[in-house]
């Protein structure tokens, strides 16, 4: 009798789980899908409107290791297009193989961002482009030396004349050119996008349930919103450590202590490990962190971060959904560098 009772209890639990899963499948409305479809045009500053010549020059500079003190590190060393524009490392590696304090963020869809780096210390993409070059810890090439080195290369002299005919080679024009190229780094159509547009078979039932959780009970969309799946804001999500993130720049504001920028979730399954410090090795580990309501409890912990009652199936469904955000983007051809 006990065995029979146990069997029926398990059967009832399975039936309840199946019913909950079916409810999730039917709960997603077209309005919810539409909220993740709108792609605004790329914002371009008036002083650096995109042209083919500027984009091509920026690409050359982006892949050129001569923009580093050592002559062996380029922007693409850490922002590798084959690794979803990251480097696949828990923490970045800088000049002289120095281990940096944070993970390299992706450059996917940065054209729509407003503040840059994990802590938002750069206010424009042009400023961001020069930051790692001049940083003693990263590419370690002072900007005056950068200008002299680039200006001494005949091929660059012609490229700058074509791209910025009314300006000289300077840190400003170098930053502008790299930013022009970075604005072209855009993720393409993913299975989720096809489903959001009405192609029901584009993603699995598990992924559909995962989306319903993402946009509902799991509360992920409170920060990962819009088609890029980011609010571009800064939150303390309970990652342990002493790095104060945005709080180091704004020590008087308690809410941004230990806060870091919300990353895009586009192509996220190709960007392990995760978090600003690479402390979560897998998507499953990331979801577990959120299910716990963060691993570090601090006064600055974002109010959105609360423990979640997620089942093993829920967690699996969320991972299935996240994998539908990956697009098959075109391969990037390496340029022949100027001489």
Protein backbone atom coordinates (compact mmCIF):
# COMPACT_ATOMS: atom_id res chain seq x y z
CA UNK A 1 0.00 0.00 0.00
CA UNK A 2 2.83 2.38 0.85
CA UNK A 3 4.47 1.71 -2.51
CA UNK A 4 1.20 2.31 -4.28
CA UNK A 5 0.63 5.54 -2.39
CA UNK A 6 4.14 6.70 -3.26
CA UNK A 7 3.58 5.85 -6.90
CA UNK A 8 0.36 7.81 -7.05
CA UNK A 9 1.98 10.76 -5.28
CA UNK A 10 4.77 10.83 -7.84
CA UNK A 11 2.27 10.52 -10.66
CA UNK A 12 0.27 13.40 -9.26
CA UNK A 13 3.40 15.51 -8.94
CA UNK A 14 4.38 14.75 -12.53
CA UNK A 15 0.90 15.62 -13.73
CA UNK A 16 1.01 18.90 -11.83
CA UNK A 17 4.42 19.72 -13.33
CA UNK A 18 3.14 18.91 -16.81
CA UNK A 19 0.13 21.14 -16.23
CA UNK A 20 2.36 23.98 -15.07
CA UNK A 21 4.56 23.54 -18.13
CA UNK A 22 1.52 23.63 -20.41
CA UNK A 23 0.29 26.75 -18.65
CA UNK A 24 3.61 28.45 -19.32
CA UNK A 25 3.38 27.57 -23.01
CA UNK A 26 -0.01 29.20 -23.36
CA UNK A 27 0.80 32.21 -21.17
CA UNK A 28 3.08 34.04 -23.60
CA UNK A 29 1.22 36.75 -25.48
CA UNK A 30 2.15 38.34 -28.84
CA UNK A 31 2.63 41.60 -26.95
CA UNK A 32 5.38 40.02 -24.85
CA UNK A 33 7.16 38.77 -27.96
CA UNK A 34 6.84 42.14 -29.68
CA UNK A 35 8.58 43.89 -26.78
CA UNK A 36 11.81 42.14 -27.78
CA UNK A 37 11.64 42.81 -31.52
CA UNK A 38 12.07 46.55 -32.01
CA UNK A 39 15.53 47.51 -33.24
CA UNK A 40 16.15 51.23 -33.29
CA UNK A 41 18.55 52.62 -35.92
CA UNK A 42 22.19 52.84 -34.89
CA UNK A 43 22.79 56.15 -33.13
CA UNK A 44 25.66 58.05 -34.74
CA UNK A 45 27.16 61.24 -33.33
CA UNK A 46 27.19 64.17 -35.70
CA UNK A 47 30.97 64.52 -35.43
CA UNK A 48 31.51 60.91 -36.51
CA UNK A 49 28.86 59.90 -39.02
CA UNK A 50 29.53 56.50 -40.53
CA UNK A 51 31.11 56.18 -43.97
CA UNK A 52 32.64 53.11 -45.64
CA UNK A 53 36.07 54.73 -45.40
CA UNK A 54 35.74 55.34 -41.67
CA UNK A 55 34.50 51.83 -40.97
CA UNK A 56 37.31 50.28 -43.01
CA UNK A 57 39.94 52.44 -41.28
CA UNK A 58 38.50 51.53 -37.89
CA UNK A 59 38.66 47.84 -38.76
CA UNK A 60 42.34 48.16 -39.71
CA UNK A 61 43.12 49.88 -36.41
CA UNK A 62 41.03 47.38 -34.43
CA UNK A 63 43.06 44.43 -35.71
CA UNK A 64 46.46 46.14 -35.66
CA UNK A 65 48.79 45.02 -32.82
CA UNK A 66 50.99 48.06 -33.42
CA UNK A 67 48.47 50.00 -31.33
CA UNK A 68 50.03 48.41 -28.22
CA UNK A 69 53.37 49.04 -26.53
CA UNK A 70 54.49 45.46 -27.16
CA UNK A 71 53.34 45.39 -30.77
CA UNK A 72 51.63 42.05 -30.22
CA UNK A 73 48.23 43.01 -28.74
CA UNK A 74 45.38 44.48 -30.74
CA UNK A 75 41.82 45.34 -29.77
CA UNK A 76 40.84 42.05 -31.41
CA UNK A 77 43.15 40.10 -29.10
CA UNK A 78 40.64 40.56 -26.29
CA UNK A 79 37.56 41.21 -28.46
CA UNK A 80 37.83 38.20 -30.74
CA UNK A 81 34.99 37.89 -33.28
CA UNK A 82 35.32 34.09 -33.10
CA UNK A 83 34.53 34.26 -29.36
CA UNK A 84 31.43 36.49 -29.66
CA UNK A 85 33.71 39.53 -29.41
CA UNK A 86 35.18 38.49 -26.04
CA UNK A 87 38.21 36.38 -25.15
CA UNK A 88 36.75 33.33 -23.39
CA UNK A 89 38.77 34.03 -20.23
CA UNK A 90 37.51 34.56 -16.70
CA UNK A 91 39.69 37.68 -16.42
CA UNK A 92 41.31 39.72 -19.16
CA UNK A 93 45.04 39.61 -19.84
CA UNK A 94 46.95 42.84 -20.38
CA UNK A 95 50.43 44.10 -21.14
CA UNK A 96 53.19 41.71 -20.13
CA UNK A 97 50.59 38.95 -19.57
CA UNK A 98 49.24 40.76 -16.54
CA UNK A 99 45.95 39.36 -15.26
CA UNK A 100 43.36 42.11 -15.14
CA UNK A 101 40.65 42.57 -12.53
CA UNK A 102 37.60 42.03 -14.73
CA UNK A 103 36.38 39.88 -17.58
CA UNK A 104 36.49 41.28 -21.10
CA UNK A 105 32.97 42.42 -22.06
CA UNK A 106 31.56 41.66 -25.49
CA UNK A 107 31.33 44.41 -28.10
CA UNK A 108 28.12 43.01 -29.58
CA UNK A 109 25.57 45.77 -30.14
CA UNK A 110 27.59 48.46 -28.34
CA UNK A 111 26.30 50.93 -30.92
CA UNK A 112 23.18 51.33 -28.78
CA UNK A 113 24.92 51.69 -25.42
CA UNK A 114 25.14 54.96 -23.50
CA UNK A 115 27.89 54.25 -20.97
CA UNK A 116 30.78 51.87 -21.50
CA UNK A 117 32.94 49.40 -19.58
CA UNK A 118 31.60 47.35 -16.67
CA UNK A 119 31.52 50.46 -14.48
CA UNK A 120 30.31 52.96 -17.09
CA UNK A 121 33.37 55.16 -16.87
CA UNK A 122 33.36 56.09 -20.57
CA UNK A 123 30.58 58.30 -21.88
CA UNK A 124 31.05 57.57 -25.59
CA UNK A 125 32.21 54.77 -27.84
CA UNK A 126 34.99 57.05 -29.09
CA UNK A 127 36.26 57.46 -25.52
CA UNK A 128 35.92 53.75 -24.86
CA UNK A 129 37.99 52.89 -27.93
CA UNK A 130 41.03 54.76 -26.59
CA UNK A 131 40.76 53.57 -22.99
CA UNK A 132 42.42 50.15 -23.29
CA UNK A 133 45.12 51.49 -25.64
CA UNK A 134 46.32 54.09 -23.15
CA UNK A 135 45.82 51.97 -20.03
CA UNK A 136 49.17 50.91 -18.50
CA UNK A 137 47.57 47.61 -17.53
CA UNK A 138 46.15 46.79 -20.95
CA UNK A 139 47.78 47.88 -24.25
CA UNK A 140 50.04 50.38 -22.48
CA UNK A 141 50.68 52.80 -25.33
CA UNK A 142 50.50 56.50 -24.33
CA UNK A 143 48.32 58.45 -26.73
CA UNK A 144 51.13 60.69 -27.98
CA UNK A 145 53.15 57.60 -28.89
CA UNK A 146 50.07 56.06 -30.46
CA UNK A 147 49.64 59.08 -32.74
CA UNK A 148 53.31 59.12 -33.76
CA UNK A 149 53.33 55.39 -34.46
CA UNK A 150 50.21 55.46 -36.63
CA UNK A 151 51.18 58.66 -38.44
CA UNK A 152 54.53 57.14 -39.45
CA UNK A 153 52.83 54.39 -41.51
CA UNK A 154 52.25 55.56 -45.12
CA UNK A 155 49.23 53.32 -45.59
CA UNK A 156 47.49 54.91 -42.63
CA UNK A 157 48.28 58.40 -43.89
CA UNK A 158 46.24 57.71 -47.02
CA UNK A 159 43.47 55.93 -45.11
CA UNK A 160 43.02 58.88 -42.73
CA UNK A 161 42.95 61.34 -45.62
CA UNK A 162 40.10 59.35 -47.15
CA UNK A 163 38.18 58.87 -43.91
CA UNK A 164 38.74 62.23 -42.19
CA UNK A 165 39.92 64.61 -44.93
CA UNK A 166 39.56 67.72 -42.78
CA UNK A 167 41.29 66.31 -39.70
CA UNK A 168 44.81 65.24 -38.79
CA UNK A 169 45.86 61.90 -37.37
CA UNK A 170 45.33 62.27 -33.63
CA UNK A 171 44.00 60.29 -30.66
CA UNK A 172 40.59 61.78 -31.45
CA UNK A 173 40.48 60.59 -35.06
CA UNK A 174 41.92 57.21 -34.11
CA UNK A 175 39.20 56.79 -31.48
CA UNK A 176 36.54 57.95 -33.92
CA UNK A 177 37.61 55.44 -36.56
CA UNK A 178 37.66 52.50 -34.15
CA UNK A 179 34.23 53.54 -32.83
CA UNK A 180 32.88 53.70 -36.40
CA UNK A 181 33.91 50.08 -36.90
CA UNK A 182 32.60 48.98 -33.50
CA UNK A 183 29.16 50.36 -34.39
CA UNK A 184 28.97 47.72 -37.13
CA UNK A 185 29.35 44.85 -34.65
CA UNK A 186 25.70 43.83 -34.53
CA UNK A 187 24.15 40.44 -33.78
CA UNK A 188 21.91 39.07 -36.50
CA UNK A 189 18.63 37.14 -36.53
CA UNK A 190 18.48 34.36 -33.93
CA UNK A 191 15.92 31.54 -33.55
CA UNK A 192 14.18 33.60 -30.86
CA UNK A 193 13.68 36.44 -33.35
CA UNK A 194 12.04 34.11 -35.85
CA UNK A 195 9.73 32.80 -33.13
CA UNK A 196 8.93 36.32 -31.92
CA UNK A 197 7.97 37.14 -35.51
CA UNK A 198 5.50 34.26 -35.58
CA UNK A 199 7.47 31.18 -36.69
CA UNK A 200 6.24 28.78 -34.01
CA UNK A 201 8.64 25.98 -34.85
CA UNK A 202 11.74 28.17 -34.60
CA UNK A 203 12.35 27.25 -30.94
CA UNK A 204 11.46 24.29 -28.74
CA UNK A 205 8.64 24.06 -26.23
CA UNK A 206 11.28 24.07 -23.47
CA UNK A 207 12.64 27.40 -24.78
CA UNK A 208 9.12 28.84 -24.97
CA UNK A 209 8.54 27.89 -21.34
CA UNK A 210 11.92 29.40 -20.52
CA UNK A 211 10.91 32.67 -22.14
CA UNK A 212 7.67 32.72 -20.17
CA UNK A 213 9.69 32.31 -16.97
CA UNK A 214 12.27 34.87 -18.10
CA UNK A 215 9.57 37.46 -18.76
CA UNK A 216 7.50 36.47 -15.75
CA UNK A 217 8.16 34.56 -12.54
CA UNK A 218 11.96 34.54 -12.82
CA UNK A 219 11.98 38.36 -13.24
CA UNK A 220 14.99 38.32 -15.59
CA UNK A 221 13.40 40.89 -17.89
CA UNK A 222 13.45 43.53 -15.16
CA UNK A 223 17.08 44.14 -16.16
CA UNK A 224 17.49 42.15 -19.39
CA UNK A 225 14.90 44.02 -21.43
CA UNK A 226 14.42 45.03 -25.06
CA UNK A 227 15.83 43.34 -28.15
CA UNK A 228 19.40 43.52 -26.80
CA UNK A 229 18.21 42.05 -23.49
CA UNK A 230 19.81 44.77 -21.35
CA UNK A 231 18.60 47.92 -19.62
CA UNK A 232 22.12 49.43 -19.85
CA UNK A 233 21.88 50.15 -16.13
CA UNK A 234 24.07 49.14 -13.19
CA UNK A 235 23.04 46.66 -10.49
CA UNK A 236 24.55 44.81 -7.56
CA UNK A 237 23.39 41.25 -8.26
CA UNK A 238 25.15 39.63 -5.33
CA UNK A 239 28.43 38.51 -6.88
CA UNK A 240 30.97 38.12 -4.04
CA UNK A 241 34.16 40.18 -4.06
CA UNK A 242 35.68 43.54 -3.16
CA UNK A 243 35.34 45.22 -6.57
CA UNK A 244 32.90 48.10 -6.04
CA UNK A 245 32.23 48.57 -9.75
CA UNK A 246 30.19 51.70 -10.44
CA UNK A 247 30.46 52.51 -6.75
CA UNK A 248 34.16 53.33 -7.05
CA UNK A 249 33.24 56.17 -9.41
CA UNK A 250 30.24 57.27 -7.33
CA UNK A 251 31.19 56.47 -3.71
CA UNK A 252 28.47 58.73 -2.32
CA UNK A 253 25.64 56.72 -3.92
CA UNK A 254 24.88 53.62 -1.90
CA UNK A 255 22.69 51.96 -4.53
CA UNK A 256 25.54 51.61 -7.04
CA UNK A 257 28.10 50.06 -4.70
CA UNK A 258 29.22 46.71 -6.18
CA UNK A 259 27.03 47.49 -9.21
CA UNK A 260 28.03 46.51 -12.72
CA UNK A 261 26.50 47.11 -16.11
CA UNK A 262 23.83 44.68 -17.29
CA UNK A 263 25.35 42.81 -20.24
CA UNK A 264 23.45 41.93 -23.38
CA UNK A 265 22.25 38.33 -23.57
CA UNK A 266 22.66 38.11 -27.32
CA UNK A 267 24.94 35.16 -28.22
CA UNK A 268 25.31 34.56 -24.50
CA UNK A 269 25.94 30.82 -24.77
CA UNK A 270 29.16 31.60 -26.66
CA UNK A 271 30.53 33.92 -24.00
CA UNK A 272 31.34 31.76 -20.98
CA UNK A 273 32.46 32.32 -18.27
CA UNK A 274 30.07 34.91 -16.89
CA UNK A 275 29.78 37.96 -14.62
CA UNK A 276 32.23 40.85 -14.45
CA UNK A 277 34.79 38.61 -12.77
CA UNK A 278 34.18 35.38 -14.70
CA UNK A 279 33.14 33.67 -11.47
CA UNK A 280 30.23 31.70 -12.95
CA UNK A 281 31.45 29.06 -15.38
CA UNK A 282 28.16 28.09 -17.03
CA UNK A 283 24.69 29.41 -17.75
CA UNK A 284 23.39 26.87 -15.27
CA UNK A 285 25.61 28.42 -12.58
CA UNK A 286 24.36 31.90 -13.47
CA UNK A 287 20.74 30.82 -13.07
CA UNK A 288 21.60 29.22 -9.74
CA UNK A 289 23.09 32.52 -8.53
CA UNK A 290 19.83 34.30 -9.33
CA UNK A 291 17.76 31.49 -7.81
CA UNK A 292 19.68 32.00 -4.57
CA UNK A 293 18.99 35.73 -4.66
CA UNK A 294 22.71 36.41 -5.08
CA UNK A 295 25.65 34.86 -3.27
CA UNK A 296 26.64 38.04 -1.38
CA UNK A 297 24.04 39.86 0.72
CA UNK A 298 24.82 43.58 0.97
CA UNK A 299 22.85 46.79 1.57
CA UNK A 300 23.42 47.68 -2.08
CA UNK A 301 21.91 44.42 -3.40
CA UNK A 302 19.45 45.34 -6.14
CA UNK A 303 15.80 45.02 -5.05
CA UNK A 304 15.17 42.85 -8.11
CA UNK A 305 17.49 40.19 -6.70
CA UNK A 306 15.38 37.94 -4.50
CA UNK A 307 15.36 34.15 -4.04
CA UNK A 308 13.38 32.34 -6.73
CA UNK A 309 11.44 29.11 -6.32
CA UNK A 310 12.64 27.49 -9.54
CA UNK A 311 12.39 23.77 -10.18
CA UNK A 312 15.07 21.80 -12.00
CA UNK A 313 12.81 21.87 -15.06
CA UNK A 314 12.44 25.64 -14.79
CA UNK A 315 16.20 26.09 -14.74
CA UNK A 316 16.64 23.79 -17.71
CA UNK A 317 13.95 25.68 -19.63
CA UNK A 318 15.64 29.01 -18.93
CA UNK A 319 18.92 27.69 -20.36
CA UNK A 320 17.04 26.39 -23.41
CA UNK A 321 15.60 29.85 -23.95
CA UNK A 322 18.94 31.64 -23.55
CA UNK A 323 20.45 29.43 -26.25
CA UNK A 324 17.83 30.65 -28.74
CA UNK A 325 19.36 34.15 -28.56
CA UNK A 326 22.44 33.07 -30.52
CA UNK A 327 22.62 34.12 -34.16
CA UNK A 328 24.79 32.77 -36.95
CA UNK A 329 26.71 35.95 -37.63
CA UNK A 330 28.91 36.39 -40.68
CA UNK A 331 32.58 35.51 -40.32
CA UNK A 332 34.87 38.51 -40.05
CA UNK A 333 37.72 38.54 -42.56
CA UNK A 334 41.04 39.70 -41.16
CA UNK A 335 42.27 42.82 -42.98
CA UNK A 336 45.65 43.28 -44.62
CA UNK A 337 47.31 45.88 -42.40
CA UNK A 338 48.79 49.08 -43.89
CA UNK A 339 52.50 49.41 -44.49
